Amino acid sequence: MRRYWPALISLVVLLSPARAWAADDGRGGLARMYPESAPDGSAQIVGAWQDGTFTQLLRSYPEVEPDGTVTIYQWTDGSYTCVRGEYTEQQADGLYTVQLGCDGTVASWPAPPPIATASACNTDVDRLFRTFRIGIGPEADQAARSDLARNAPLGILSSWFNKSQDLQFFDGWRRSGQLNDWWNRGYVLHIVTYEGEPPGISNYRPYHISPQFVSDMQALARIISAPADGKHVVLFSLATEFQTYMQPHNQYNQQTAWYYDALK
């Protein structure tokens, strides 16, 4: 997988990867990605390269291109990896994660073990909600690659939805095949909606009671739509921490009742 560096053109630094100016940094392609524990105990993603060097993942994000949405992995050394698709594939010696690079290269490595418990792979809807499942966030793509997901039988991948712009993340996961991959591995997807913007001059956060929120939820439903077969399950936690959306917090009175009634 080729790694991309921001290019310096006429003394202007491009802050996002510009593939038209990309150059191979001489380290070869990406050999694999894997989670490991950081010194502070948190999980971090490491990229291993064909020349034997290693780099930590700083962040990943979707990027819209004329021919579709790709995923950009930004590394702590300032380089980037552009991925057009990512999925798991059964090979002769086990399950592999496969990444399709934007430059046509293909990288693969042994995938984390699938969810181990029978209840986590249950396709019966009635039994699905009678089981105890452990989940992790804050975003599904990060959670699926975490050290906990690799070593424990997780059942839920949680993602936060704070504003309209977050639709691009879910659309990127759908286009890259990651949504179907997570479902195929037995995960339940969990979406948490939250008011990401601070209150305005009226001392309340308007997003969840606005027509825009309804429109965004309709768009999100179209993105994550899937067969109602008990395997493609999505859970929602709507308006989490809603008691903080109106000033004063944690009070239902004459001043705040109109807002909470509208939210209900």
Protein backbone atom coordinates (compact mmCIF):
# COMPACT_ATOMS: atom_id res chain seq x y z
CA MET A 1 0.00 0.00 0.00
CA ARG A 2 1.59 3.27 -1.02
CA ARG A 3 1.98 5.98 1.60
CA TYR A 4 1.30 9.59 0.68
CA TRP A 5 3.06 12.72 1.91
CA PRO A 6 1.59 16.25 1.85
CA ALA A 7 3.23 18.07 -1.07
CA LEU A 8 4.89 21.50 -0.98
CA ILE A 9 3.83 23.38 -4.11
CA SER A 10 4.88 27.02 -4.59
CA LEU A 11 5.54 27.27 -0.86
CA VAL A 12 1.95 26.27 -0.03
CA VAL A 13 1.56 23.23 2.23
CA LEU A 14 -1.41 21.06 1.33
CA LEU A 15 -2.91 19.90 4.60
CA SER A 16 -4.70 16.90 3.09
CA PRO A 17 -3.07 14.13 1.03
CA ALA A 18 -2.87 15.12 -2.65
CA ARG A 19 -2.55 11.89 -4.56
CA ALA A 20 -1.70 13.68 -7.79
CA TRP A 21 1.60 14.70 -6.18
CA ALA A 22 2.17 11.56 -4.14
CA ALA A 23 5.54 9.89 -4.13
CA ASP A 24 6.64 6.56 -2.69
CA ASP A 25 8.69 7.21 0.44
CA GLY A 26 10.92 4.18 -0.21
CA ARG A 27 9.58 2.03 2.61
CA GLY A 28 7.54 -0.25 0.37
CA GLY A 29 3.90 -1.12 0.86
CA LEU A 30 1.88 -1.62 4.01
CA ALA A 31 2.38 -5.17 5.27
CA ARG A 32 -0.29 -5.14 7.97
CA MET A 33 -2.08 -3.10 10.63
CA TYR A 34 -2.57 -4.34 14.16
CA PRO A 35 -3.60 -3.02 17.59
CA GLU A 36 -1.27 -2.89 20.57
CA SER A 37 -1.30 -1.33 24.03
CA ALA A 38 0.27 2.11 24.41
CA PRO A 39 2.45 2.92 27.46
CA ASP A 40 -0.52 4.65 29.10
CA GLY A 41 -2.66 1.52 28.72
CA SER A 42 -4.76 2.79 25.82
CA ALA A 43 -5.06 0.96 22.51
CA GLN A 44 -3.19 2.20 19.46
CA ILE A 45 -3.03 1.02 15.85
CA VAL A 46 0.37 0.27 14.35
CA GLY A 47 1.26 0.04 10.67
CA ALA A 48 4.02 -2.40 9.71
CA TRP A 49 5.79 -1.72 6.42
CA GLN A 50 7.55 -4.05 4.01
CA ASP A 51 10.98 -2.67 4.90
CA GLY A 52 10.49 -3.63 8.57
CA THR A 53 9.65 -0.18 9.91
CA PHE A 54 6.62 0.66 12.05
CA THR A 55 4.43 3.76 12.42
CA GLN A 56 1.51 4.56 14.74
CA LEU A 57 -1.87 5.57 13.35
CA LEU A 58 -2.83 9.15 14.18
CA ARG A 59 -6.35 9.10 12.74
CA SER A 60 -8.51 7.83 9.90
CA TYR A 61 -11.22 9.68 8.02
CA PRO A 62 -13.32 9.40 4.84
CA GLU A 63 -12.56 11.53 1.80
CA VAL A 64 -14.99 12.03 -1.07
CA GLU A 65 -13.51 11.63 -4.56
CA PRO A 66 -15.14 11.81 -8.00
CA ASP A 67 -15.36 8.00 -8.19
CA GLY A 68 -16.48 7.40 -4.60
CA THR A 69 -15.48 7.71 -0.95
CA VAL A 70 -12.09 6.46 0.21
CA THR A 71 -10.58 6.08 3.69
CA ILE A 72 -7.43 8.03 4.56
CA TYR A 73 -5.12 6.72 7.26
CA GLN A 74 -2.84 9.43 8.67
CA TRP A 75 0.30 8.22 10.43
CA THR A 76 2.28 9.94 13.19
CA ASP A 77 5.27 10.42 10.88
CA GLY A 78 3.18 12.73 8.66
CA SER A 79 2.51 10.24 5.87
CA TYR A 80 -0.84 8.97 4.60
CA THR A 81 -2.31 5.74 3.24
CA CYS A 82 -5.31 5.87 0.90
CA VAL A 83 -7.63 2.82 1.02
CA ARG A 84 -10.48 2.31 -1.43
CA GLY A 85 -11.90 -0.81 0.19
CA GLU A 86 -11.40 -3.07 3.20
CA TYR A 87 -12.99 -6.45 3.88
CA THR A 88 -12.34 -9.89 5.37
CA GLU A 89 -11.72 -12.94 3.19
CA GLN A 90 -11.55 -16.63 4.00
CA GLN A 91 -8.28 -18.14 2.75
CA ALA A 92 -6.82 -21.62 3.05
CA ASP A 93 -5.07 -20.91 6.35
CA GLY A 94 -7.71 -18.70 7.94
CA LEU A 95 -9.55 -15.37 7.81
CA TYR A 96 -7.66 -12.37 6.41
CA THR A 97 -8.21 -8.63 6.35
CA VAL A 98 -7.79 -7.31 2.79
CA GLN A 99 -7.11 -3.65 1.96
CA LEU A 100 -7.44 -2.26 -1.55
CA GLY A 101 -5.18 0.74 -2.04
CA CYS A 102 -6.16 3.77 -4.09
CA ASP A 103 -3.12 3.12 -6.29
CA GLY A 104 -4.27 -0.44 -7.10
CA THR A 105 -2.10 -2.26 -4.57
CA VAL A 106 -3.52 -4.97 -2.31
CA ALA A 107 -2.40 -5.76 1.24
CA SER A 108 -3.65 -8.58 3.44
CA TRP A 109 -2.91 -9.99 6.89
CA PRO A 110 -4.55 -12.40 9.37
CA ALA A 111 -7.79 -10.87 10.64
CA PRO A 112 -8.64 -10.58 14.34
CA PRO A 113 -10.51 -13.69 15.52
CA PRO A 114 -14.28 -13.58 14.98
CA ILE A 115 -16.62 -13.17 17.91
CA ALA A 116 -16.23 -16.33 19.93
CA THR A 117 -19.52 -16.77 21.76
CA ALA A 118 -22.54 -18.39 20.20
CA SER A 119 -24.80 -15.64 21.56
CA ALA A 120 -22.79 -12.97 19.72
CA CYS A 121 -23.51 -14.68 16.39
CA ASN A 122 -27.16 -15.37 17.12
CA THR A 123 -29.52 -14.75 14.20
CA ASP A 124 -32.74 -15.15 16.21
CA VAL A 125 -34.10 -11.70 17.03
CA ASP A 126 -35.87 -12.82 20.19
CA ARG A 127 -32.70 -14.36 21.64
CA LEU A 128 -30.59 -11.44 20.37
CA PHE A 129 -32.10 -9.08 22.94
CA ARG A 130 -31.95 -11.67 25.73
CA THR A 131 -28.16 -11.85 25.68
CA PHE A 132 -25.56 -9.73 27.41
CA ARG A 133 -23.14 -8.05 25.04
CA ILE A 134 -20.04 -5.95 25.55
CA GLY A 135 -19.48 -2.98 23.24
CA ILE A 136 -16.78 -0.43 22.55
CA GLY A 137 -16.51 2.92 20.74
CA PRO A 138 -16.24 5.80 20.14
CA GLU A 139 -16.33 5.01 16.39
CA ALA A 140 -16.94 1.61 14.81
CA ASP A 141 -13.83 1.53 12.61
CA GLN A 142 -11.55 2.36 15.54
CA ALA A 143 -13.38 -0.06 17.83
CA ALA A 144 -13.14 -2.98 15.39
CA ARG A 145 -9.34 -2.59 15.27
CA SER A 146 -8.87 -2.10 19.02
CA ASP A 147 -6.86 -4.36 21.30
CA LEU A 148 -10.06 -5.24 23.17
CA ALA A 149 -11.82 -6.33 19.97
CA ARG A 150 -8.84 -8.49 19.10
CA ASN A 151 -8.70 -10.29 22.44
CA ALA A 152 -12.27 -10.33 23.79
CA PRO A 153 -15.64 -11.55 22.46
CA LEU A 154 -17.15 -8.12 21.78
CA GLY A 155 -20.67 -7.94 20.41
CA ILE A 156 -21.30 -4.23 19.79
CA LEU A 157 -19.48 -1.48 17.88
CA SER A 158 -20.60 2.01 18.97
CA SER A 159 -20.39 5.22 16.94
CA TRP A 160 -21.35 8.77 17.91
CA PHE A 161 -23.46 10.98 15.64
CA ASN A 162 -23.17 14.64 16.65
CA LYS A 163 -24.02 16.66 13.54
CA SER A 164 -25.01 16.46 9.86
CA GLN A 165 -21.39 16.18 8.71
CA ASP A 166 -21.10 12.80 10.45
CA LEU A 167 -23.19 11.25 7.67
CA GLN A 168 -20.03 11.11 5.55
CA PHE A 169 -18.37 8.69 7.97
CA PHE A 170 -21.26 6.19 7.78
CA ASP A 171 -21.48 6.58 4.00
CA GLY A 172 -17.73 5.95 3.74
CA TRP A 173 -18.04 2.75 5.79
CA ARG A 174 -20.88 1.56 3.57
CA ARG A 175 -19.04 2.30 0.31
CA SER A 176 -15.83 0.65 1.52
CA GLY A 177 -17.69 -2.52 2.59
CA GLN A 178 -16.88 -2.12 6.27
CA LEU A 179 -20.54 -2.10 7.39
CA ASN A 180 -21.23 -5.49 5.79
CA ASP A 181 -17.93 -6.83 7.10
CA TRP A 182 -18.85 -5.92 10.68
CA TRP A 183 -22.28 -7.51 10.35
CA ASN A 184 -20.78 -10.63 8.78
CA ARG A 185 -18.45 -10.92 11.77
CA GLY A 186 -21.47 -10.92 14.09
CA TYR A 187 -21.31 -7.38 15.43
CA VAL A 188 -24.33 -5.27 16.35
CA LEU A 189 -23.90 -1.62 15.33
CA HIS A 190 -24.81 0.98 17.94
CA ILE A 191 -25.36 4.65 17.04
CA VAL A 192 -25.38 7.29 19.77
CA THR A 193 -26.83 10.69 18.84
CA TYR A 194 -25.59 13.73 20.74
CA GLU A 195 -25.67 17.52 20.50
CA GLY A 196 -22.12 18.39 19.52
CA GLU A 197 -22.61 22.16 19.36
CA PRO A 198 -22.73 24.41 22.48
CA PRO A 199 -26.00 26.12 23.44
CA GLY A 200 -26.83 29.37 21.66
CA ILE A 201 -28.01 32.63 23.15
CA SER A 202 -31.34 30.98 24.02
CA ASN A 203 -29.56 28.51 26.33
CA TYR A 204 -30.64 25.36 24.53
CA ARG A 205 -29.22 23.09 21.86
CA PRO A 206 -31.59 23.04 18.88
CA TYR A 207 -30.35 20.14 16.72
CA HIS A 208 -32.48 17.30 18.12
CA ILE A 209 -35.73 19.27 17.87
CA SER A 210 -35.01 20.63 14.39
CA PRO A 211 -36.23 19.40 10.97
CA GLN A 212 -32.57 18.93 10.08
CA PHE A 213 -32.21 16.16 12.68
CA VAL A 214 -35.21 14.30 11.21
CA SER A 215 -33.74 14.69 7.72
CA ASP A 216 -30.33 13.45 8.90
CA MET A 217 -31.84 10.39 10.58
CA GLN A 218 -33.73 9.56 7.37
CA ALA A 219 -30.50 9.86 5.38
CA LEU A 220 -28.66 7.73 7.95
CA ALA A 221 -31.38 5.07 7.77
CA ARG A 222 -30.92 4.86 4.00
CA ILE A 223 -27.15 4.49 4.40
CA ILE A 224 -27.35 1.65 6.94
CA SER A 225 -30.40 -0.08 5.47
CA ALA A 226 -30.02 -3.86 5.37
CA PRO A 227 -32.14 -7.05 5.39
CA ALA A 228 -34.32 -7.56 8.46
CA ASP A 229 -32.87 -11.02 9.09
CA GLY A 230 -31.56 -10.69 12.64
CA LYS A 231 -27.96 -10.50 11.39
CA HIS A 232 -27.93 -6.85 10.30
CA VAL A 233 -28.83 -5.21 13.60
CA VAL A 234 -28.52 -1.49 14.44
CA LEU A 235 -29.30 -0.05 17.88
CA PHE A 236 -29.88 3.65 18.55
CA SER A 237 -29.37 5.67 21.71
CA LEU A 238 -31.13 8.93 20.84
CA ALA A 239 -30.29 12.29 22.45
CA THR A 240 -27.83 10.87 24.93
CA GLU A 241 -27.16 13.18 27.91
CA PHE A 242 -30.28 15.13 26.91
CA GLN A 243 -30.50 16.61 30.42
CA THR A 244 -27.59 18.88 29.42
CA TYR A 245 -29.20 20.26 26.24
CA MET A 246 -31.20 22.94 28.11
CA GLN A 247 -30.15 25.45 30.74
CA PRO A 248 -30.36 24.89 33.65
CA HIS A 249 -29.26 21.25 33.50
CA ASN A 250 -31.19 18.38 35.08
CA GLN A 251 -34.37 20.38 35.70
CA TYR A 252 -37.88 20.03 34.33
CA ASN A 253 -39.78 23.20 35.20
CA GLN A 254 -41.69 26.08 33.60
CA GLN A 255 -38.50 27.33 31.96
CA THR A 256 -37.40 24.04 30.44
CA ALA A 257 -40.62 22.08 29.94
CA TRP A 258 -41.26 23.29 26.38
CA TYR A 259 -37.89 22.00 25.22
CA TYR A 260 -38.13 18.55 26.81
CA ASP A 261 -41.71 18.19 25.62
CA ALA A 262 -40.56 18.98 22.08
CA LEU A 263 -37.66 16.53 22.42
CA LYS A 264 -40.03 13.80 23.61
